[in-house]
Amino acid sequence: MKKYENTGSKDTRSGFGAGMTELGQKNENVVALCADLIGSLKFDEFKKNHPERFFQIGIAEANMIGIAAGLTIGGKIPFTGTFANFSTGRVYDQIRQSVAYSDKNVKICASHAGLTLGEDGATHQILEDIGLMKMLPGMTVINTCDYNQTKAATLALADHHGPAYLRFGRPVVPNFTPADEPFVIGKAIMLNEGTDVTIVATGHLVWEALIAAEALEAKGISAEVINIHTIKPLDEEAILKSVAKTRCVVTAEEHNYLGGLGESISGVLALKNPTPQEFVAVQDSFGESGTPEQLMEKYKLNNQAIVEAVERVIKRK
């Protein structure tokens, strides 16, 4: 098994900030809009270096989306930034009508997604955003796993034409993907080849999947681990190729199992290769206040839960 090393834990939102800083220097058409959360979204350097291309909209997220859509008409590439809850649920109508339906080149960038928002509690811990966004025609949906990948995805989105949703998080997490690894939208990344089970993970659960694979290896179970950073368009070829070999799959995500990555994969498998599947995801509930570690353990979103799901699904082959 290939060993992935944590080169120094960082928050994924800082990867976004680093990507925006670089884009500000490289692409004069890139503009940034923020809903009163400059520090939380790591927009500080972009604002400092390019004040004429930074727009502080205030606590008016719907207005921010409308302004961003308008800016695209003049050839600008707007990146909007606020918490995931406010980036999607609060402004869904504006995204649907002004961005998706109108096919505007807006990049909706969302921090503080999922349970790992932590102590702010259920009202801020959106667990439905992937489902909301993937249902919109033409919307690209990306959920990154660490600092390096978030930075790479941010850079890639500037060259990608069309509406997109980029989801990342608040806490410090292991940074383990290579800094120079190409980010190809819609292309899954094979992290470990295996023969007994396919583990498909996204976001913060990718590292947990790698830890689970090591534990499974010690039990004599060979796990294939795939990093799905792009939930839409989904890399169906990579998924089908893997499950044809392993004949069972576990999906892992920091999201409700309804509407998330696991549901997308089950749809592919139902049509093209019916396969036993287990979901490591939130089971149709809201979150609650607590530390990220406490919440991930309570809602069974960690490496131990992945191991248990693998042991269940193998019995169903």
C-alpha atoms as a PDB file:
ATOM      1  CA  MET A   1       0.000   0.000   0.000  1.00  0.00           C
ATOM      2  CA  LYS A   2       1.296   3.447  -0.890  1.00  0.00           C
ATOM      3  CA  LYS A   3       1.811   5.511   2.240  1.00  0.00           C
ATOM      4  CA  TYR A   4       0.556   9.082   2.151  1.00  0.00           C
ATOM      5  CA  GLU A   5       2.296  11.393   4.578  1.00  0.00           C
ATOM      6  CA  ASN A   6       0.798  14.348   6.386  1.00  0.00           C
ATOM      7  CA  THR A   7       3.266  17.071   5.455  1.00  0.00           C
ATOM      8  CA  GLY A   8       1.777  19.515   7.959  1.00  0.00           C
ATOM      9  CA  SER A   9      -1.870  19.965   8.871  1.00  0.00           C
ATOM     10  CA  LYS A  10      -3.568  23.040   7.444  1.00  0.00           C
ATOM     11  CA  ASP A  11      -7.124  24.242   6.920  1.00  0.00           C
ATOM     12  CA  THR A  12      -8.564  23.856   3.441  1.00  0.00           C
ATOM     13  CA  ARG A  13      -9.921  27.409   3.464  1.00  0.00           C
ATOM     14  CA  SER A  14      -6.314  28.645   3.583  1.00  0.00           C
ATOM     15  CA  GLY A  15      -5.714  26.642   0.410  1.00  0.00           C
ATOM     16  CA  PHE A  16      -8.504  28.635  -1.181  1.00  0.00           C
ATOM     17  CA  GLY A  17      -6.944  31.868   0.060  1.00  0.00           C
ATOM     18  CA  ALA A  18      -3.568  30.889  -1.384  1.00  0.00           C
ATOM     19  CA  GLY A  19      -5.202  30.048  -4.698  1.00  0.00           C
ATOM     20  CA  MET A  20      -6.976  33.392  -4.810  1.00  0.00           C
ATOM     21  CA  THR A  21      -3.740  35.227  -4.011  1.00  0.00           C
ATOM     22  CA  GLU A  22      -2.037  33.510  -6.943  1.00  0.00           C
ATOM     23  CA  LEU A  23      -4.973  34.081  -9.277  1.00  0.00           C
ATOM     24  CA  GLY A  24      -4.954  37.757  -8.408  1.00  0.00           C
ATOM     25  CA  GLN A  25      -1.412  37.970  -9.739  1.00  0.00           C
ATOM     26  CA  LYS A  26      -1.942  35.745 -12.785  1.00  0.00           C
ATOM     27  CA  ASN A  27      -5.381  36.657 -14.124  1.00  0.00           C
ATOM     28  CA  GLU A  28      -6.584  40.261 -14.213  1.00  0.00           C
ATOM     29  CA  ASN A  29     -10.133  39.144 -14.978  1.00  0.00           C
ATOM     30  CA  VAL A  30     -10.491  37.356 -11.643  1.00  0.00           C
ATOM     31  CA  VAL A  31     -12.528  39.355  -9.127  1.00  0.00           C
ATOM     32  CA  ALA A  32     -13.529  38.447  -5.585  1.00  0.00           C
ATOM     33  CA  LEU A  33     -16.763  39.115  -3.721  1.00  0.00           C
ATOM     34  CA  CYS A  34     -17.250  38.501  -0.013  1.00  0.00           C
ATOM     35  CA  ALA A  35     -20.247  38.607   2.321  1.00  0.00           C
ATOM     36  CA  ASP A  36     -18.570  40.179   5.374  1.00  0.00           C
ATOM     37  CA  LEU A  37     -16.241  37.219   6.062  1.00  0.00           C
ATOM     38  CA  ILE A  38     -12.868  38.305   4.684  1.00  0.00           C
ATOM     39  CA  GLY A  39     -10.803  36.647   7.409  1.00  0.00           C
ATOM     40  CA  SER A  40     -12.820  33.444   7.464  1.00  0.00           C
ATOM     41  CA  LEU A  41     -12.490  33.010   3.695  1.00  0.00           C
ATOM     42  CA  LYS A  42      -8.809  34.053   3.676  1.00  0.00           C
ATOM     43  CA  PHE A  43      -9.397  36.907   1.226  1.00  0.00           C
ATOM     44  CA  ASP A  44      -6.981  39.197   3.080  1.00  0.00           C
ATOM     45  CA  GLU A  45      -4.090  39.079   0.609  1.00  0.00           C
ATOM     46  CA  PHE A  46      -6.319  39.368  -2.452  1.00  0.00           C
ATOM     47  CA  LYS A  47      -7.990  42.443  -0.984  1.00  0.00           C
ATOM     48  CA  LYS A  48      -4.649  43.973  -0.002  1.00  0.00           C
ATOM     49  CA  ASN A  49      -3.012  43.391  -3.398  1.00  0.00           C
ATOM     50  CA  HIS A  50      -6.027  44.071  -5.651  1.00  0.00           C
ATOM     51  CA  PRO A  51      -8.457  46.405  -3.876  1.00  0.00           C
ATOM     52  CA  GLU A  52      -9.977  47.455  -7.196  1.00  0.00           C
ATOM     53  CA  ARG A  53     -10.972  43.835  -7.857  1.00  0.00           C
ATOM     54  CA  PHE A  54     -12.329  43.064  -4.410  1.00  0.00           C
ATOM     55  CA  PHE A  55     -15.947  43.766  -3.477  1.00  0.00           C
ATOM     56  CA  GLN A  56     -17.156  43.676   0.117  1.00  0.00           C
ATOM     57  CA  ILE A  57     -20.883  43.117  -0.256  1.00  0.00           C
ATOM     58  CA  GLY A  58     -21.733  42.811   3.423  1.00  0.00           C
ATOM     59  CA  ILE A  59     -24.323  40.475   4.903  1.00  0.00           C
ATOM     60  CA  ALA A  60     -26.294  40.388   1.656  1.00  0.00           C
ATOM     61  CA  GLU A  61     -25.526  37.047   0.067  1.00  0.00           C
ATOM     62  CA  ALA A  62     -28.336  37.115  -2.483  1.00  0.00           C
ATOM     63  CA  ASN A  63     -27.120  40.505  -3.683  1.00  0.00           C
ATOM     64  CA  MET A  64     -23.590  39.088  -3.917  1.00  0.00           C
ATOM     65  CA  ILE A  65     -24.705  36.337  -6.296  1.00  0.00           C
ATOM     66  CA  GLY A  66     -26.594  38.814  -8.465  1.00  0.00           C
ATOM     67  CA  ILE A  67     -23.614  41.159  -8.687  1.00  0.00           C
ATOM     68  CA  ALA A  68     -21.334  38.228  -9.537  1.00  0.00           C
ATOM     69  CA  ALA A  69     -23.633  37.150 -12.361  1.00  0.00           C
ATOM     70  CA  GLY A  70     -23.601  40.682 -13.732  1.00  0.00           C
ATOM     71  CA  LEU A  71     -19.822  40.919 -13.620  1.00  0.00           C
ATOM     72  CA  THR A  72     -19.494  37.926 -15.939  1.00  0.00           C
ATOM     73  CA  ILE A  73     -21.197  39.880 -18.729  1.00  0.00           C
ATOM     74  CA  GLY A  74     -18.152  42.123 -18.932  1.00  0.00           C
ATOM     75  CA  GLY A  75     -15.787  39.173 -19.060  1.00  0.00           C
ATOM     76  CA  LYS A  76     -14.870  39.067 -15.405  1.00  0.00           C
ATOM     77  CA  ILE A  77     -14.440  35.782 -13.526  1.00  0.00           C
ATOM     78  CA  PRO A  78     -16.091  36.302 -10.138  1.00  0.00           C
ATOM     79  CA  PHE A  79     -15.295  34.133  -7.119  1.00  0.00           C
ATOM     80  CA  THR A  80     -17.847  34.579  -4.339  1.00  0.00           C
ATOM     81  CA  GLY A  81     -17.030  33.644  -0.770  1.00  0.00           C
ATOM     82  CA  THR A  82     -19.000  32.968   2.391  1.00  0.00           C
ATOM     83  CA  PHE A  83     -19.958  30.017   4.612  1.00  0.00           C
ATOM     84  CA  ALA A  84     -21.418  27.007   2.772  1.00  0.00           C
ATOM     85  CA  ASN A  85     -24.793  27.471   4.455  1.00  0.00           C
ATOM     86  CA  PHE A  86     -25.055  31.029   3.173  1.00  0.00           C
ATOM     87  CA  SER A  87     -23.458  30.184  -0.194  1.00  0.00           C
ATOM     88  CA  THR A  88     -26.188  27.701  -1.100  1.00  0.00           C
ATOM     89  CA  GLY A  89     -29.281  27.360   1.083  1.00  0.00           C
ATOM     90  CA  ARG A  90     -29.762  31.063   1.726  1.00  0.00           C
ATOM     91  CA  VAL A  91     -29.340  32.091  -1.925  1.00  0.00           C
ATOM     92  CA  TYR A  92     -30.559  29.062  -3.848  1.00  0.00           C
ATOM     93  CA  ASP A  93     -33.091  30.970  -5.923  1.00  0.00           C
ATOM     94  CA  GLN A  94     -30.492  33.513  -7.059  1.00  0.00           C
ATOM     95  CA  ILE A  95     -28.041  30.740  -7.954  1.00  0.00           C
ATOM     96  CA  ARG A  96     -30.691  28.829  -9.877  1.00  0.00           C
ATOM     97  CA  GLN A  97     -32.013  31.764 -11.870  1.00  0.00           C
ATOM     98  CA  SER A  98     -29.098  34.171 -12.261  1.00  0.00           C
ATOM     99  CA  VAL A  99     -26.178  31.724 -12.428  1.00  0.00           C
ATOM    100  CA  ALA A 100     -27.202  28.174 -13.406  1.00  0.00           C
ATOM    101  CA  TYR A 101     -30.157  28.873 -15.691  1.00  0.00           C
ATOM    102  CA  SER A 102     -28.295  31.776 -17.262  1.00  0.00           C
ATOM    103  CA  ASP A 103     -25.065  29.731 -17.557  1.00  0.00           C
ATOM    104  CA  LYS A 104     -22.954  32.452 -15.978  1.00  0.00           C
ATOM    105  CA  ASN A 105     -19.262  31.907 -15.278  1.00  0.00           C
ATOM    106  CA  VAL A 106     -19.569  32.363 -11.496  1.00  0.00           C
ATOM    107  CA  LYS A 107     -17.441  30.391  -9.010  1.00  0.00           C
ATOM    108  CA  ILE A 108     -19.394  29.912  -5.776  1.00  0.00           C
ATOM    109  CA  CYS A 109     -16.792  29.197  -3.100  1.00  0.00           C
ATOM    110  CA  ALA A 110     -17.963  27.918   0.246  1.00  0.00           C
ATOM    111  CA  SER A 111     -16.065  27.497   3.492  1.00  0.00           C
ATOM    112  CA  HIS A 112     -17.189  26.026   6.840  1.00  0.00           C
ATOM    113  CA  ALA A 113     -19.065  23.147   5.189  1.00  0.00           C
ATOM    114  CA  GLY A 114     -20.378  20.091   7.000  1.00  0.00           C
ATOM    115  CA  LEU A 115     -20.149  19.056  10.639  1.00  0.00           C
ATOM    116  CA  THR A 116     -16.553  20.196  11.075  1.00  0.00           C
ATOM    117  CA  LEU A 117     -17.767  23.770  11.301  1.00  0.00           C
ATOM    118  CA  GLY A 118     -18.010  22.593  14.889  1.00  0.00           C
ATOM    119  CA  GLU A 119     -19.231  24.691  17.764  1.00  0.00           C
ATOM    120  CA  ASP A 120     -21.415  27.025  15.670  1.00  0.00           C
ATOM    121  CA  GLY A 121     -23.981  24.228  15.617  1.00  0.00           C
ATOM    122  CA  ALA A 122     -26.734  22.862  13.418  1.00  0.00           C
ATOM    123  CA  THR A 123     -27.958  26.160  11.969  1.00  0.00           C
ATOM    124  CA  HIS A 124     -24.575  26.695  10.309  1.00  0.00           C
ATOM    125  CA  GLN A 125     -23.575  23.084   9.600  1.00  0.00           C
ATOM    126  CA  ILE A 126     -25.115  22.567   6.200  1.00  0.00           C
ATOM    127  CA  LEU A 127     -25.238  18.905   5.190  1.00  0.00           C
ATOM    128  CA  GLU A 128     -27.423  19.311   2.109  1.00  0.00           C
ATOM    129  CA  ASP A 129     -25.361  21.647  -0.063  1.00  0.00           C
ATOM    130  CA  ILE A 130     -23.838  19.051  -2.389  1.00  0.00           C
ATOM    131  CA  GLY A 131     -27.318  17.784  -3.202  1.00  0.00           C
ATOM    132  CA  LEU A 132     -28.661  21.288  -3.771  1.00  0.00           C
ATOM    133  CA  MET A 133     -25.863  22.202  -6.135  1.00  0.00           C
ATOM    134  CA  LYS A 134     -25.467  18.962  -8.075  1.00  0.00           C
ATOM    135  CA  MET A 135     -29.149  19.047  -9.045  1.00  0.00           C
ATOM    136  CA  LEU A 136     -28.673  22.309 -10.940  1.00  0.00           C
ATOM    137  CA  PRO A 137     -28.119  21.689 -14.663  1.00  0.00           C
ATOM    138  CA  GLY A 138     -24.632  22.656 -15.799  1.00  0.00           C
ATOM    139  CA  MET A 139     -23.261  23.175 -12.273  1.00  0.00           C
ATOM    140  CA  THR A 140     -19.818  21.717 -11.556  1.00  0.00           C
ATOM    141  CA  VAL A 141     -19.463  20.542  -7.927  1.00  0.00           C
ATOM    142  CA  ILE A 142     -16.049  20.143  -6.280  1.00  0.00           C
ATOM    143  CA  ASN A 143     -15.292  19.018  -2.714  1.00  0.00           C
ATOM    144  CA  THR A 144     -11.584  19.078  -1.868  1.00  0.00           C
ATOM    145  CA  CYS A 145      -9.684  17.009   0.694  1.00  0.00           C
ATOM    146  CA  ASP A 146      -6.745  19.137   1.868  1.00  0.00           C
ATOM    147  CA  TYR A 147      -4.891  22.443   1.540  1.00  0.00           C
ATOM    148  CA  ASN A 148      -2.939  21.546  -1.595  1.00  0.00           C
ATOM    149  CA  GLN A 149      -5.948  20.198  -3.434  1.00  0.00           C
ATOM    150  CA  THR A 150      -8.090  23.197  -2.523  1.00  0.00           C
ATOM    151  CA  LYS A 151      -5.465  25.575  -3.863  1.00  0.00           C
ATOM    152  CA  ALA A 152      -5.155  23.540  -7.069  1.00  0.00           C
ATOM    153  CA  ALA A 153      -8.934  23.424  -7.529  1.00  0.00           C
ATOM    154  CA  THR A 154      -9.209  27.191  -7.085  1.00  0.00           C
ATOM    155  CA  LEU A 155      -6.620  27.744  -9.802  1.00  0.00           C
ATOM    156  CA  ALA A 156      -8.296  25.216 -12.107  1.00  0.00           C
ATOM    157  CA  LEU A 157     -11.705  26.868 -11.771  1.00  0.00           C
ATOM    158  CA  ALA A 158     -10.399  30.126 -13.222  1.00  0.00           C
ATOM    159  CA  ASP A 159      -9.710  28.266 -16.480  1.00  0.00           C
ATOM    160  CA  HIS A 160     -12.986  26.345 -16.405  1.00  0.00           C
ATOM    161  CA  HIS A 161     -15.887  28.087 -18.107  1.00  0.00           C
ATOM    162  CA  GLY A 162     -19.282  27.731 -16.484  1.00  0.00           C
ATOM    163  CA  PRO A 163     -20.966  27.859 -13.081  1.00  0.00           C
ATOM    164  CA  ALA A 164     -19.169  25.958 -10.338  1.00  0.00           C
ATOM    165  CA  TYR A 165     -19.437  25.215  -6.632  1.00  0.00           C
ATOM    166  CA  LEU A 166     -16.248  24.737  -4.603  1.00  0.00           C
ATOM    167  CA  ARG A 167     -16.743  23.307  -1.095  1.00  0.00           C
ATOM    168  CA  PHE A 168     -14.097  23.325   1.630  1.00  0.00           C
ATOM    169  CA  GLY A 169     -13.825  23.555   5.396  1.00  0.00           C
ATOM    170  CA  ARG A 170     -12.878  25.323   8.588  1.00  0.00           C
ATOM    171  CA  PRO A 171     -10.670  22.950  10.622  1.00  0.00           C
ATOM    172  CA  VAL A 172      -7.014  22.106  10.345  1.00  0.00           C
ATOM    173  CA  VAL A 173      -6.705  18.717   8.587  1.00  0.00           C
ATOM    174  CA  PRO A 174      -3.814  16.620   7.238  1.00  0.00           C
ATOM    175  CA  ASN A 175      -2.213  18.006   4.089  1.00  0.00           C
ATOM    176  CA  PHE A 176      -1.123  14.936   2.144  1.00  0.00           C
ATOM    177  CA  THR A 177      -1.678  15.378  -1.590  1.00  0.00           C
ATOM    178  CA  PRO A 178       1.381  16.435  -3.627  1.00  0.00           C
ATOM    179  CA  ALA A 179       1.648  20.194  -4.097  1.00  0.00           C
ATOM    180  CA  ASP A 180       2.362  19.680  -7.804  1.00  0.00           C
ATOM    181  CA  GLU A 181      -0.404  17.135  -8.457  1.00  0.00           C
ATOM    182  CA  PRO A 182      -2.469  18.234 -11.475  1.00  0.00           C
ATOM    183  CA  PHE A 183      -6.091  19.029 -10.696  1.00  0.00           C
ATOM    184  CA  VAL A 184      -8.310  17.789 -13.498  1.00  0.00           C
ATOM    185  CA  ILE A 185     -11.980  18.606 -13.031  1.00  0.00           C
ATOM    186  CA  GLY A 186     -14.066  15.446 -13.322  1.00  0.00           C
ATOM    187  CA  LYS A 187     -11.116  13.046 -12.969  1.00  0.00           C
ATOM    188  CA  ALA A 188     -10.897  10.828  -9.884  1.00  0.00           C
ATOM    189  CA  ILE A 189      -7.545  10.107  -8.230  1.00  0.00           C
ATOM    190  CA  MET A 190      -6.503   6.559  -7.363  1.00  0.00           C
ATOM    191  CA  LEU A 191      -4.781   6.671  -3.969  1.00  0.00           C
ATOM    192  CA  ASN A 192      -4.383   2.963  -3.329  1.00  0.00           C
ATOM    193  CA  GLU A 193      -5.082  -0.092  -5.474  1.00  0.00           C
ATOM    194  CA  GLY A 194      -6.896  -3.016  -3.913  1.00  0.00           C
ATOM    195  CA  THR A 195      -8.918  -6.096  -4.759  1.00  0.00           C
ATOM    196  CA  ASP A 196     -11.477  -6.724  -2.000  1.00  0.00           C
ATOM    197  CA  VAL A 197     -13.424  -3.464  -1.643  1.00  0.00           C
ATOM    198  CA  THR A 198     -13.632  -0.018  -3.222  1.00  0.00           C
ATOM    199  CA  ILE A 199     -13.640   2.932  -0.835  1.00  0.00           C
ATOM    200  CA  VAL A 200     -14.712   6.134  -2.547  1.00  0.00           C
ATOM    201  CA  ALA A 201     -14.235   9.221  -0.400  1.00  0.00           C
ATOM    202  CA  THR A 202     -14.480  12.973  -0.754  1.00  0.00           C
ATOM    203  CA  GLY A 203     -13.407  15.992   1.285  1.00  0.00           C
ATOM    204  CA  HIS A 204     -12.255  15.442   4.857  1.00  0.00           C
ATOM    205  CA  LEU A 205     -13.116  11.741   4.642  1.00  0.00           C
ATOM    206  CA  VAL A 206     -10.342  11.005   2.123  1.00  0.00           C
ATOM    207  CA  TRP A 207      -7.647  10.989   4.817  1.00  0.00           C
ATOM    208  CA  GLU A 208      -9.886   8.864   7.029  1.00  0.00           C
ATOM    209  CA  ALA A 209     -10.281   6.414   4.149  1.00  0.00           C
ATOM    210  CA  LEU A 210      -6.506   6.072   3.852  1.00  0.00           C
ATOM    211  CA  ILE A 211      -6.204   5.360   7.579  1.00  0.00           C
ATOM    212  CA  ALA A 212      -9.033   2.819   7.269  1.00  0.00           C
ATOM    213  CA  ALA A 213      -7.261   1.118   4.362  1.00  0.00           C
ATOM    214  CA  GLU A 214      -4.165   0.602   6.520  1.00  0.00           C
ATOM    215  CA  ALA A 215      -6.279  -0.904   9.297  1.00  0.00           C
ATOM    216  CA  LEU A 216      -8.021  -3.164   6.792  1.00  0.00           C
ATOM    217  CA  GLU A 217      -4.695  -4.264   5.349  1.00  0.00           C
ATOM    218  CA  ALA A 218      -3.709  -5.448   8.813  1.00  0.00           C
ATOM    219  CA  LYS A 219      -6.905  -7.515   8.825  1.00  0.00           C
ATOM    220  CA  GLY A 220      -6.049  -9.060   5.449  1.00  0.00           C
ATOM    221  CA  ILE A 221      -8.524  -6.944   3.467  1.00  0.00           C
ATOM    222  CA  SER A 222      -7.212  -5.209   0.346  1.00  0.00           C
ATOM    223  CA  ALA A 223      -8.948  -1.844  -0.077  1.00  0.00           C
ATOM    224  CA  GLU A 224      -8.911   0.290  -3.183  1.00  0.00           C
ATOM    225  CA  VAL A 225      -9.147   3.981  -2.211  1.00  0.00           C
ATOM    226  CA  ILE A 226     -10.378   6.587  -4.693  1.00  0.00           C
ATOM    227  CA  ASN A 227     -10.435  10.334  -4.066  1.00  0.00           C
ATOM    228  CA  ILE A 228     -13.478  11.852  -5.721  1.00  0.00           C
ATOM    229  CA  HIS A 229     -12.881  15.596  -5.590  1.00  0.00           C
ATOM    230  CA  THR A 230     -15.359  16.325  -8.391  1.00  0.00           C
ATOM    231  CA  ILE A 231     -18.839  15.107  -7.522  1.00  0.00           C
ATOM    232  CA  LYS A 232     -20.270  16.545 -10.722  1.00  0.00           C
ATOM    233  CA  PRO A 233     -19.286  15.653 -13.383  1.00  0.00           C
ATOM    234  CA  LEU A 234     -18.627  12.285 -11.755  1.00  0.00           C
ATOM    235  CA  ASP A 235     -15.817  10.047 -13.009  1.00  0.00           C
ATOM    236  CA  GLU A 236     -18.071   7.088 -13.771  1.00  0.00           C
ATOM    237  CA  GLU A 237     -15.336   5.225 -15.636  1.00  0.00           C
ATOM    238  CA  ALA A 238     -13.054   5.123 -12.579  1.00  0.00           C
ATOM    239  CA  ILE A 239     -15.864   3.922 -10.326  1.00  0.00           C
ATOM    240  CA  LEU A 240     -17.117   1.216 -12.673  1.00  0.00           C
ATOM    241  CA  LYS A 241     -13.607  -0.051 -13.384  1.00  0.00           C
ATOM    242  CA  SER A 242     -12.904  -0.397  -9.671  1.00  0.00           C
ATOM    243  CA  VAL A 243     -16.142  -2.103  -8.622  1.00  0.00           C
ATOM    244  CA  ALA A 244     -15.877  -4.532 -11.540  1.00  0.00           C
ATOM    245  CA  LYS A 245     -12.775  -5.795  -9.731  1.00  0.00           C
ATOM    246  CA  THR A 246     -13.798  -5.519  -6.063  1.00  0.00           C
ATOM    247  CA  ARG A 247     -17.555  -6.183  -6.393  1.00  0.00           C
ATOM    248  CA  CYS A 248     -18.491  -3.948  -3.442  1.00  0.00           C
ATOM    249  CA  VAL A 249     -18.141  -0.290  -2.482  1.00  0.00           C
ATOM    250  CA  VAL A 250     -18.164   2.010   0.548  1.00  0.00           C
ATOM    251  CA  THR A 251     -18.742   5.723   0.036  1.00  0.00           C
ATOM    252  CA  ALA A 252     -17.569   8.237   2.640  1.00  0.00           C
ATOM    253  CA  GLU A 253     -18.505  11.905   2.892  1.00  0.00           C
ATOM    254  CA  GLU A 254     -19.174  14.712   5.367  1.00  0.00           C
ATOM    255  CA  HIS A 255     -22.714  15.232   4.099  1.00  0.00           C
ATOM    256  CA  ASN A 256     -26.181  13.781   4.397  1.00  0.00           C
ATOM    257  CA  TYR A 257     -26.335  10.418   2.639  1.00  0.00           C
ATOM    258  CA  LEU A 258     -29.386  11.798   0.853  1.00  0.00           C
ATOM    259  CA  GLY A 259     -28.197  13.916  -2.070  1.00  0.00           C
ATOM    260  CA  GLY A 260     -24.480  13.383  -1.624  1.00  0.00           C
ATOM    261  CA  LEU A 261     -21.637  11.550  -3.327  1.00  0.00           C
ATOM    262  CA  GLY A 262     -22.886   8.138  -2.230  1.00  0.00           C
ATOM    263  CA  GLU A 263     -26.261   8.737  -3.829  1.00  0.00           C
ATOM    264  CA  SER A 264     -24.607   9.769  -7.096  1.00  0.00           C
ATOM    265  CA  ILE A 265     -22.520   6.605  -7.127  1.00  0.00           C
ATOM    266  CA  SER A 266     -25.463   4.368  -6.267  1.00  0.00           C
ATOM    267  CA  GLY A 267     -27.296   5.856  -9.243  1.00  0.00           C
ATOM    268  CA  VAL A 268     -24.431   4.966 -11.566  1.00  0.00           C
ATOM    269  CA  LEU A 269     -24.178   1.445 -10.172  1.00  0.00           C
ATOM    270  CA  ALA A 270     -27.933   0.833 -10.321  1.00  0.00           C
ATOM    271  CA  LEU A 271     -27.911   1.585 -14.039  1.00  0.00           C
ATOM    272  CA  LYS A 272     -24.622   0.017 -15.089  1.00  0.00           C
ATOM    273  CA  ASN A 273     -23.419  -2.530 -12.532  1.00  0.00           C
ATOM    274  CA  PRO A 274     -25.609  -3.199  -9.463  1.00  0.00           C
ATOM    275  CA  THR A 275     -23.185  -3.585  -6.563  1.00  0.00           C
ATOM    276  CA  PRO A 276     -23.471  -3.884  -2.752  1.00  0.00           C
ATOM    277  CA  GLN A 277     -22.848  -0.459  -1.207  1.00  0.00           C
ATOM    278  CA  GLU A 278     -22.539   0.986   2.300  1.00  0.00           C
ATOM    279  CA  PHE A 279     -22.744   4.694   3.120  1.00  0.00           C
ATOM    280  CA  VAL A 280     -20.527   6.486   5.623  1.00  0.00           C
ATOM    281  CA  ALA A 281     -22.450   9.741   5.877  1.00  0.00           C
ATOM    282  CA  VAL A 282     -24.862  11.608   8.115  1.00  0.00           C
ATOM    283  CA  GLN A 283     -28.069   9.615   8.395  1.00  0.00           C
ATOM    284  CA  ASP A 284     -30.812  12.113   7.577  1.00  0.00           C
ATOM    285  CA  SER A 285     -30.296  14.428  10.545  1.00  0.00           C
ATOM    286  CA  PHE A 286     -29.057  17.871  11.439  1.00  0.00           C
ATOM    287  CA  GLY A 287     -25.799  18.365  13.308  1.00  0.00           C
ATOM    288  CA  GLU A 288     -25.239  19.908  16.723  1.00  0.00           C
ATOM    289  CA  SER A 289     -22.683  21.949  18.604  1.00  0.00           C
ATOM    290  CA  GLY A 290     -19.385  20.293  19.488  1.00  0.00           C
ATOM    291  CA  THR A 291     -15.763  20.063  18.458  1.00  0.00           C
ATOM    292  CA  PRO A 292     -15.119  18.694  14.957  1.00  0.00           C
ATOM    293  CA  GLU A 293     -13.571  15.556  16.467  1.00  0.00           C
ATOM    294  CA  GLN A 294     -16.545  14.937  18.771  1.00  0.00           C
ATOM    295  CA  LEU A 295     -19.036  15.387  15.948  1.00  0.00           C
ATOM    296  CA  MET A 296     -17.193  13.208  13.451  1.00  0.00           C
ATOM    297  CA  GLU A 297     -17.094  10.436  16.043  1.00  0.00           C
ATOM    298  CA  LYS A 298     -20.728  10.779  17.112  1.00  0.00           C
ATOM    299  CA  TYR A 299     -22.039  10.852  13.551  1.00  0.00           C
ATOM    300  CA  LYS A 300     -19.699   8.015  12.524  1.00  0.00           C
ATOM    301  CA  LEU A 301     -17.668   9.908   9.956  1.00  0.00           C
ATOM    302  CA  ASN A 302     -14.201   8.552  10.681  1.00  0.00           C
ATOM    303  CA  ASN A 303     -11.806   5.759   9.800  1.00  0.00           C
ATOM    304  CA  GLN A 304     -13.348   3.354  12.307  1.00  0.00           C
ATOM    305  CA  ALA A 305     -16.773   3.824  10.720  1.00  0.00           C
ATOM    306  CA  ILE A 306     -15.268   3.166   7.282  1.00  0.00           C
ATOM    307  CA  VAL A 307     -13.663  -0.068   8.512  1.00  0.00           C
ATOM    308  CA  GLU A 308     -16.987  -1.222   9.957  1.00  0.00           C
ATOM    309  CA  ALA A 309     -18.799  -0.357   6.723  1.00  0.00           C
ATOM    310  CA  VAL A 310     -16.245  -2.347   4.729  1.00  0.00           C
ATOM    311  CA  GLU A 311     -16.717  -5.378   6.958  1.00  0.00           C
ATOM    312  CA  ARG A 312     -20.484  -5.147   6.433  1.00  0.00           C
ATOM    313  CA  VAL A 313     -20.386  -4.711   2.688  1.00  0.00           C
ATOM    314  CA  ILE A 314     -17.939  -7.552   2.069  1.00  0.00           C
ATOM    315  CA  LYS A 315     -20.439  -9.926   3.653  1.00  0.00           C
ATOM    316  CA  ARG A 316     -23.000  -8.808   1.064  1.00  0.00           C
ATOM    317  CA  LYS A 317     -20.966  -9.763  -2.005  1.00  0.00           C
END
